[in-house]
């Protein structure tokens, strides 16, 4: 078909490997394509080795330009020579583009290459070199230049005159499986330059293909005891206990449990790992060659804080109901509530608490969430009657 004025094209969709094939290619016009006829397509495909399996058959090739006698086994080498001669070298004025839907699908040893449009938007007098569609498997996404990888499928398209395009190309060819591995797949439009095919346009598919046996996955389960959940594990596969991870066979795993969990009186201290790996160390390493379950075990280990009581003036203090002379000091587990009561001496009263406890409430209390120091400030007590003069009668 004659091409419209050229604009930039983008791939509008990809066809999945198991998708339905597109319709048989509809090239230019009927006379344009079949002028070279089936002889061109047969001979060119034979030249790249696609039709070797047909070597034992006899073929009848009919050209509109004239007939070719029936071919038998001894004539295969002649056809190969014809195919080589029919590869046309690149034209410097041809401008080639591959666009629209691009896809592939494979069943067994056959792979089908599907392209919506191939266009030569060069001047009408320009004719491309012989064009081929190739499907490549590469270790990394292909962008430009020489392509390195494995050619898994190829079909010869022929030459394309400037101002024309092919639509809905669909060719089923032999699939050549690459070695086991994961590959990026690229559809290449290649042009014969006189000695080999060179890339003129391409589309790299977004999804990768894995060749070989399917990967084996195992489950890593990470748990904790005392508490049974909520411990933050760091390392190669972090999470908050209990959690699971699905990992490939052979994956290296490193897990680190925190030394402490919780605060103050509810604090826990790491004891060991147990399960499929026992270790007193907070960091463990293992490899996934089966399902693995490990548990980080904790024991109660509340923090210990010191409380100091000082005094100004004369008096004592009750701590949790026990009377103590001041100054006084003792230790408490973190989170403990300590009851305090100031006991002034005769002729003294509590003026205030100062330090980590303030105010003048008596009794009072403090929560031990850290080390504490409190001063009990006593002041002399003067009864009012001391200042009233006695009258003599």
Protein backbone atom coordinates (compact mmCIF):
# COMPACT_ATOMS: atom_id res chain seq x y z
CA UNK A 1 0.00 0.00 0.00
CA UNK A 2 1.30 3.50 -0.66
CA UNK A 3 2.31 5.13 2.59
CA UNK A 4 0.88 8.40 3.81
CA UNK A 5 3.23 11.26 4.69
CA UNK A 6 5.54 9.95 7.42
CA UNK A 7 5.08 10.85 11.05
CA UNK A 8 6.82 9.53 14.13
CA UNK A 9 5.37 6.18 15.15
CA UNK A 10 5.24 4.49 18.50
CA UNK A 11 4.46 0.90 19.41
CA UNK A 12 0.82 0.99 20.44
CA UNK A 13 0.64 -2.48 21.93
CA UNK A 14 2.53 -5.68 22.59
CA UNK A 15 1.17 -9.16 21.88
CA UNK A 16 1.83 -11.73 24.60
CA UNK A 17 3.78 -14.85 23.71
CA UNK A 18 0.64 -16.97 24.04
CA UNK A 19 -1.65 -14.48 22.27
CA UNK A 20 -3.53 -15.14 19.04
CA UNK A 21 -1.57 -14.64 15.79
CA UNK A 22 -2.38 -11.67 13.57
CA UNK A 23 -3.71 -12.19 10.07
CA UNK A 24 -1.42 -13.19 7.19
CA UNK A 25 0.70 -10.28 5.97
CA UNK A 26 -0.91 -7.91 3.52
CA UNK A 27 1.98 -6.36 1.54
CA UNK A 28 1.77 -3.21 -0.59
CA UNK A 29 -0.45 -4.27 -3.53
CA UNK A 30 -1.01 -7.72 -4.94
CA UNK A 31 1.06 -7.15 -8.09
CA UNK A 32 3.80 -5.37 -6.15
CA UNK A 33 4.46 -8.32 -3.87
CA UNK A 34 3.73 -11.24 -6.13
CA UNK A 35 5.78 -9.81 -9.00
CA UNK A 36 8.68 -11.62 -7.38
CA UNK A 37 6.20 -14.25 -6.27
CA UNK A 38 6.62 -17.32 -4.16
CA UNK A 39 9.98 -18.06 -5.78
CA UNK A 40 11.50 -15.01 -4.07
CA UNK A 41 10.09 -15.90 -0.66
CA UNK A 42 11.00 -19.58 -0.97
CA UNK A 43 14.54 -18.97 -2.19
CA UNK A 44 15.26 -16.28 0.38
CA UNK A 45 13.96 -18.40 3.25
CA UNK A 46 16.03 -21.30 2.00
CA UNK A 47 19.10 -19.05 2.02
CA UNK A 48 18.78 -18.51 5.78
CA UNK A 49 18.17 -22.19 6.46
CA UNK A 50 14.50 -22.01 7.40
CA UNK A 51 13.31 -24.51 4.77
CA UNK A 52 16.01 -27.17 5.12
CA UNK A 53 13.42 -29.68 6.24
CA UNK A 54 11.72 -29.41 2.85
CA UNK A 55 14.80 -30.61 0.96
CA UNK A 56 13.29 -34.04 0.30
CA UNK A 57 10.18 -32.64 -1.35
CA UNK A 58 9.60 -31.52 -4.94
CA UNK A 59 8.37 -27.97 -5.46
CA UNK A 60 6.62 -26.21 -8.28
CA UNK A 61 7.33 -22.49 -8.42
CA UNK A 62 5.25 -20.28 -10.66
CA UNK A 63 6.32 -16.73 -11.46
CA UNK A 64 4.09 -14.15 -13.09
CA UNK A 65 7.21 -13.19 -14.99
CA UNK A 66 7.65 -16.80 -16.18
CA UNK A 67 7.74 -20.39 -14.91
CA UNK A 68 10.43 -22.39 -13.18
CA UNK A 69 10.66 -26.13 -13.81
CA UNK A 70 9.79 -28.54 -10.99
CA UNK A 71 12.54 -28.76 -8.38
CA UNK A 72 13.81 -32.04 -6.95
CA UNK A 73 16.35 -32.87 -4.23
CA UNK A 74 19.35 -32.32 -6.47
CA UNK A 75 18.16 -28.80 -7.24
CA UNK A 76 18.24 -27.58 -3.61
CA UNK A 77 21.77 -26.20 -3.92
CA UNK A 78 20.70 -24.26 -7.02
CA UNK A 79 17.83 -22.69 -5.05
CA UNK A 80 20.21 -21.72 -2.24
CA UNK A 81 22.40 -19.92 -4.78
CA UNK A 82 19.33 -18.16 -6.21
CA UNK A 83 18.36 -17.12 -2.66
CA UNK A 84 21.79 -15.62 -2.01
CA UNK A 85 21.67 -13.70 -5.29
CA UNK A 86 18.21 -12.34 -4.44
CA UNK A 87 19.45 -10.63 -1.24
CA UNK A 88 19.48 -6.98 -2.28
CA UNK A 89 21.93 -4.55 -0.68
CA UNK A 90 20.83 -1.49 1.29
CA UNK A 91 19.70 1.69 -0.47
CA UNK A 92 21.08 4.89 1.03
CA UNK A 93 17.77 6.69 0.41
CA UNK A 94 15.47 4.13 2.03
CA UNK A 95 14.05 5.19 5.40
CA UNK A 96 12.55 2.27 7.29
CA UNK A 97 10.25 2.08 10.28
CA UNK A 98 8.65 -0.72 12.33
CA UNK A 99 5.58 0.39 14.29
CA UNK A 100 2.08 -0.39 15.52
CA UNK A 101 1.36 -3.64 17.36
CA UNK A 102 4.44 -5.82 17.75
CA UNK A 103 4.29 -9.29 19.24
CA UNK A 104 5.31 -12.93 19.17
CA UNK A 105 4.01 -16.25 20.36
CA UNK A 106 5.50 -19.70 20.53
CA UNK A 107 4.20 -23.26 20.47
CA UNK A 108 6.84 -25.95 20.73
CA UNK A 109 9.58 -25.40 18.16
CA UNK A 110 7.62 -22.81 16.16
CA UNK A 111 7.52 -19.10 16.91
CA UNK A 112 5.25 -16.60 15.17
CA UNK A 113 6.45 -13.03 14.60
CA UNK A 114 3.73 -10.38 14.30
CA UNK A 115 4.20 -6.76 13.22
CA UNK A 116 1.43 -4.36 12.29
CA UNK A 117 3.44 -2.08 9.97
CA UNK A 118 6.81 -1.93 8.24
CA UNK A 119 7.20 1.23 6.15
CA UNK A 120 9.73 2.74 3.76
CA UNK A 121 8.98 6.44 4.00
CA UNK A 122 11.90 7.38 1.79
CA UNK A 123 11.42 8.85 -1.72
CA UNK A 124 9.53 6.73 -4.24
CA UNK A 125 12.67 5.93 -6.22
CA UNK A 126 14.34 4.38 -3.16
CA UNK A 127 14.10 0.65 -2.61
CA UNK A 128 15.32 -0.95 0.58
CA UNK A 129 17.80 -3.75 0.77
CA UNK A 130 16.35 -7.16 1.56
CA UNK A 131 14.54 -6.86 4.89
CA UNK A 132 14.24 -9.46 7.63
CA UNK A 133 12.30 -9.68 10.87
CA UNK A 134 14.43 -11.12 13.67
CA UNK A 135 13.63 -11.96 17.28
CA UNK A 136 16.56 -11.70 19.69
CA UNK A 137 17.05 -12.79 23.31
CA UNK A 138 19.57 -10.61 25.17
CA UNK A 139 20.90 -10.49 28.72
CA UNK A 140 20.15 -6.75 29.03
CA UNK A 141 17.68 -4.43 27.27
CA UNK A 142 18.86 -3.58 23.74
CA UNK A 143 18.97 0.11 22.84
CA UNK A 144 21.17 0.66 19.76
CA UNK A 145 24.24 -0.46 17.85
CA UNK A 146 25.48 -4.03 17.58
CA UNK A 147 23.10 -6.50 19.19
CA UNK A 148 24.62 -9.24 21.33
CA UNK A 149 22.62 -12.27 22.32
CA UNK A 150 20.77 -15.16 20.71
CA UNK A 151 18.68 -14.92 17.54
CA UNK A 152 15.68 -17.13 18.30
CA UNK A 153 13.68 -16.56 15.11
CA UNK A 154 14.03 -14.94 11.69
CA UNK A 155 12.01 -14.47 8.51
CA UNK A 156 12.86 -12.73 5.21
CA UNK A 157 10.39 -10.06 4.10
CA UNK A 158 11.87 -8.93 0.77
CA UNK A 159 12.53 -5.39 -0.48
CA UNK A 160 10.24 -2.41 0.04
CA UNK A 161 9.86 0.55 -2.34
CA UNK A 162 9.83 4.08 -0.98
CA UNK A 163 6.36 5.37 -0.19
CA UNK A 164 4.99 1.88 0.55
CA UNK A 165 4.36 -0.17 3.66
CA UNK A 166 3.50 -3.72 4.65
CA UNK A 167 0.61 -4.26 7.04
CA UNK A 168 -0.27 -7.08 9.46
CA UNK A 169 2.81 -9.21 8.94
CA UNK A 170 2.59 -12.63 10.60
CA UNK A 171 5.25 -15.28 9.96
CA UNK A 172 5.70 -18.64 11.71
CA UNK A 173 9.33 -19.78 11.74
CA UNK A 174 11.58 -22.23 13.55
CA UNK A 175 12.31 -21.31 17.18
CA UNK A 176 15.93 -21.63 18.25
CA UNK A 177 16.00 -21.92 22.05
CA UNK A 178 18.81 -20.03 23.83
CA UNK A 179 20.63 -21.46 26.87
CA UNK A 180 18.80 -21.47 30.20
CA UNK A 181 18.45 -18.01 31.70
CA UNK A 182 16.29 -14.89 31.82
CA UNK A 183 16.27 -12.71 28.70
CA UNK A 184 14.98 -9.44 27.33
CA UNK A 185 13.24 -10.00 23.98
CA UNK A 186 13.70 -7.59 21.06
CA UNK A 187 11.96 -7.57 17.67
CA UNK A 188 14.45 -6.32 15.07
CA UNK A 189 13.85 -5.00 11.55
CA UNK A 190 17.14 -5.76 9.78
CA UNK A 191 18.37 -4.79 6.30
CA UNK A 192 20.93 -6.57 4.13
CA UNK A 193 24.00 -4.34 3.59
CA UNK A 194 25.77 -6.54 1.08
CA UNK A 195 27.53 -8.76 3.59
CA UNK A 196 25.16 -9.18 6.55
CA UNK A 197 21.94 -7.93 8.10
CA UNK A 198 22.10 -4.73 10.16
CA UNK A 199 19.46 -3.36 12.54
CA UNK A 200 17.42 -0.44 11.19
CA UNK A 201 14.62 -0.41 13.78
CA UNK A 202 13.64 -2.44 16.83
CA UNK A 203 11.22 -2.85 19.70
CA UNK A 204 12.29 -4.30 23.07
CA UNK A 205 9.43 -5.91 24.99
CA UNK A 206 8.83 -4.80 28.57
CA UNK A 207 8.54 -8.30 30.05
CA UNK A 208 11.40 -10.78 30.28
CA UNK A 209 11.32 -14.46 29.30
CA UNK A 210 12.83 -17.24 31.38
CA UNK A 211 14.27 -20.25 29.57
CA UNK A 212 14.78 -23.45 31.49
CA UNK A 213 13.11 -25.08 34.48
CA UNK A 214 10.81 -22.83 36.53
CA UNK A 215 12.40 -21.24 39.62
CA UNK A 216 11.94 -22.97 42.97
CA UNK A 217 10.58 -20.83 45.80
CA UNK A 218 10.74 -21.40 49.54
CA UNK A 219 9.05 -19.68 52.49
CA UNK A 220 11.05 -17.86 55.17
CA UNK A 221 9.03 -17.44 58.40
CA UNK A 222 10.33 -15.03 61.06
CA UNK A 223 8.67 -15.15 64.48
CA UNK A 224 9.35 -13.90 68.03
CA UNK A 225 8.58 -15.09 71.56
CA UNK A 226 7.92 -12.81 74.55
CA UNK A 227 6.52 -10.89 72.76
CA UNK A 228 4.96 -13.02 70.01
CA UNK A 229 4.80 -10.12 67.54
CA UNK A 230 5.98 -6.60 66.83
CA UNK A 231 9.76 -7.07 67.09
CA UNK A 232 11.53 -5.11 64.33
CA UNK A 233 13.99 -7.39 62.54
CA UNK A 234 16.62 -5.83 60.26
CA UNK A 235 18.92 -7.32 57.63
CA UNK A 236 18.50 -8.55 54.06
CA UNK A 237 14.79 -9.34 54.52
CA UNK A 238 13.50 -7.03 57.29
CA UNK A 239 10.06 -6.94 58.85
CA UNK A 240 8.05 -6.90 62.05
CA UNK A 241 7.48 -10.32 63.61
CA UNK A 242 5.77 -12.52 62.66
CA UNK A 243 6.16 -12.26 58.91
CA UNK A 244 6.83 -14.49 55.91
CA UNK A 245 8.89 -13.97 52.76
CA UNK A 246 8.81 -16.02 49.53
CA UNK A 247 12.39 -16.42 48.30
CA UNK A 248 14.16 -18.16 45.42
CA UNK A 249 16.11 -21.31 46.09
CA UNK A 250 19.63 -20.48 47.24
CA UNK A 251 18.81 -16.92 48.40
CA UNK A 252 21.23 -15.74 51.10
CA UNK A 253 19.43 -14.36 54.17
CA UNK A 254 20.81 -12.23 57.02
CA UNK A 255 18.59 -11.34 60.01
CA UNK A 256 19.40 -9.16 63.03
CA UNK A 257 17.23 -8.97 66.15
CA UNK A 258 17.38 -5.87 68.41
CA UNK A 259 19.05 -6.25 71.82
CA UNK A 260 16.05 -4.76 73.62
CA UNK A 261 12.35 -4.55 72.84
CA UNK A 262 9.86 -2.40 74.72
CA UNK A 263 10.50 0.32 77.29
CA UNK A 264 11.03 0.71 81.02
CA UNK A 265 9.27 -1.95 83.08
CA UNK A 266 8.05 -3.80 79.97
CA UNK A 267 11.50 -4.01 78.41
CA UNK A 268 12.64 -7.37 77.00
CA UNK A 269 16.21 -8.46 76.26
CA UNK A 270 17.24 -10.74 73.36
CA UNK A 271 18.11 -14.27 74.49
CA UNK A 272 18.65 -16.38 71.32
CA UNK A 273 17.37 -17.53 67.94
CA UNK A 274 15.65 -20.92 67.72
CA UNK A 275 13.83 -23.00 65.12
CA UNK A 276 15.69 -24.06 61.97
CA UNK A 277 18.73 -22.19 63.28
CA UNK A 278 19.82 -21.82 66.91
CA UNK A 279 22.22 -19.05 67.83
CA UNK A 280 22.91 -16.84 70.87
CA UNK A 281 24.02 -14.09 68.49
CA UNK A 282 21.60 -11.39 67.44
CA UNK A 283 22.65 -11.72 63.76
CA UNK A 284 22.19 -15.00 61.89
CA UNK A 285 22.81 -16.02 58.26
CA UNK A 286 21.21 -18.84 56.30
CA UNK A 287 20.57 -19.93 52.69
CA UNK A 288 17.18 -20.94 51.34
CA UNK A 289 17.35 -24.58 50.26
CA UNK A 290 14.02 -25.39 51.86
CA UNK A 291 11.30 -23.71 53.90
CA UNK A 292 12.87 -22.10 56.99
CA UNK A 293 11.33 -20.83 60.23
CA UNK A 294 13.29 -18.96 62.91
CA UNK A 295 12.18 -17.38 66.20
CA UNK A 296 13.80 -14.50 68.10
CA UNK A 297 13.37 -15.24 71.82
CA UNK A 298 13.28 -12.53 74.51
CA UNK A 299 13.32 -12.52 78.32
CA UNK A 300 12.03 -9.91 80.74
CA UNK A 301 14.75 -7.39 81.49
CA UNK A 302 13.28 -4.13 82.82
CA UNK A 303 15.58 -1.17 83.18
CA UNK A 304 16.84 -0.28 86.66
CA UNK A 305 16.80 3.36 87.77
CA UNK A 306 18.13 5.07 90.92
CA UNK A 307 16.03 7.46 93.04
CA UNK A 308 17.83 9.90 95.37
CA UNK A 309 15.96 11.82 98.09
CA UNK A 310 17.65 14.91 99.60
CA UNK A 311 16.39 17.38 102.20
CA UNK A 312 16.50 20.99 103.23
CA UNK A 313 15.50 21.59 106.85
CA UNK A 314 14.45 18.92 109.30
CA UNK A 315 12.33 15.95 108.44
CA UNK A 316 12.11 12.45 107.00
CA UNK A 317 10.23 10.73 104.17
CA UNK A 318 8.14 7.62 103.70
CA UNK A 319 8.89 5.68 100.48
CA UNK A 320 6.14 3.18 99.61
CA UNK A 321 5.04 3.38 103.26
CA UNK A 322 8.47 2.86 104.85
CA UNK A 323 9.98 5.73 106.86
CA UNK A 324 13.52 6.72 105.88
CA UNK A 325 15.94 9.29 107.21
CA UNK A 326 17.20 11.72 104.58
CA UNK A 327 19.25 11.75 102.48
CA UNK A 328 18.26 8.35 101.08
CA UNK A 329 18.79 6.35 97.84
CA UNK A 330 17.50 3.11 96.26
CA UNK A 331 16.89 1.47 92.85
CA UNK A 332 13.62 0.62 91.09
CA UNK A 333 12.61 -1.19 87.92
CA UNK A 334 11.72 1.07 85.05
CA UNK A 335 8.04 1.95 84.97
CA UNK A 336 7.57 1.49 88.73
CA UNK A 337 5.33 3.98 90.58
CA UNK A 338 6.97 5.16 93.83
CA UNK A 339 4.78 6.65 96.60
CA UNK A 340 6.40 9.51 98.60
CA UNK A 341 5.30 11.26 101.79
CA UNK A 342 7.22 14.04 103.58
CA UNK A 343 7.30 13.72 107.41
CA UNK A 344 8.45 17.06 108.96
CA UNK A 345 10.08 17.12 112.39
CA UNK A 346 8.34 18.89 115.29
CA UNK A 347 8.12 22.57 114.46
CA UNK A 348 8.68 22.05 110.72
CA UNK A 349 6.41 21.71 107.69
CA UNK A 350 6.78 20.75 104.01
CA UNK A 351 7.41 23.81 101.91
CA UNK A 352 7.71 22.01 98.51
CA UNK A 353 9.19 19.17 96.45
CA UNK A 354 11.87 20.14 93.92
CA UNK A 355 13.99 18.41 91.29
CA UNK A 356 12.27 15.55 89.40
CA UNK A 357 9.13 16.06 91.51
CA UNK A 358 7.60 19.50 91.97
CA UNK A 359 4.71 21.02 93.87
CA UNK A 360 3.66 20.82 97.51
CA UNK A 361 1.15 17.94 97.45
CA UNK A 362 1.77 15.55 100.30
CA UNK A 363 1.71 12.60 99.84
CA UNK A 364 2.78 12.42 96.18
CA UNK A 365 4.28 9.88 93.72
CA UNK A 366 6.68 9.52 90.79
CA UNK A 367 6.95 7.04 87.85
CA UNK A 368 10.48 5.72 87.41
CA UNK A 369 11.15 6.20 83.70
CA UNK A 370 14.72 7.31 84.35
CA UNK A 371 17.12 8.12 87.15
CA UNK A 372 15.57 10.62 89.59
CA UNK A 373 16.68 13.11 92.23
CA UNK A 374 14.18 14.86 94.50
CA UNK A 375 14.73 17.42 97.27
CA UNK A 376 12.28 17.57 100.18
CA UNK A 377 12.24 21.20 101.30
CA UNK A 378 11.17 21.62 104.95
CA UNK A 379 10.58 25.04 106.56
CA UNK A 380 10.21 26.02 110.24
CA UNK A 381 6.68 26.26 111.54
CA UNK A 382 5.81 29.29 113.75
CA UNK A 383 2.40 29.18 115.51
CA UNK A 384 0.48 32.50 115.38
CA UNK A 385 0.11 32.62 119.15
CA UNK A 386 3.84 33.18 119.49
CA UNK A 387 3.30 36.68 118.15
CA UNK A 388 0.27 37.58 120.32
CA UNK A 389 1.39 39.41 123.51
CA UNK A 390 -0.03 38.09 126.77
CA UNK A 391 -2.10 40.64 128.72
CA UNK A 392 -1.62 40.88 132.50
CA UNK A 393 -4.77 41.36 134.57
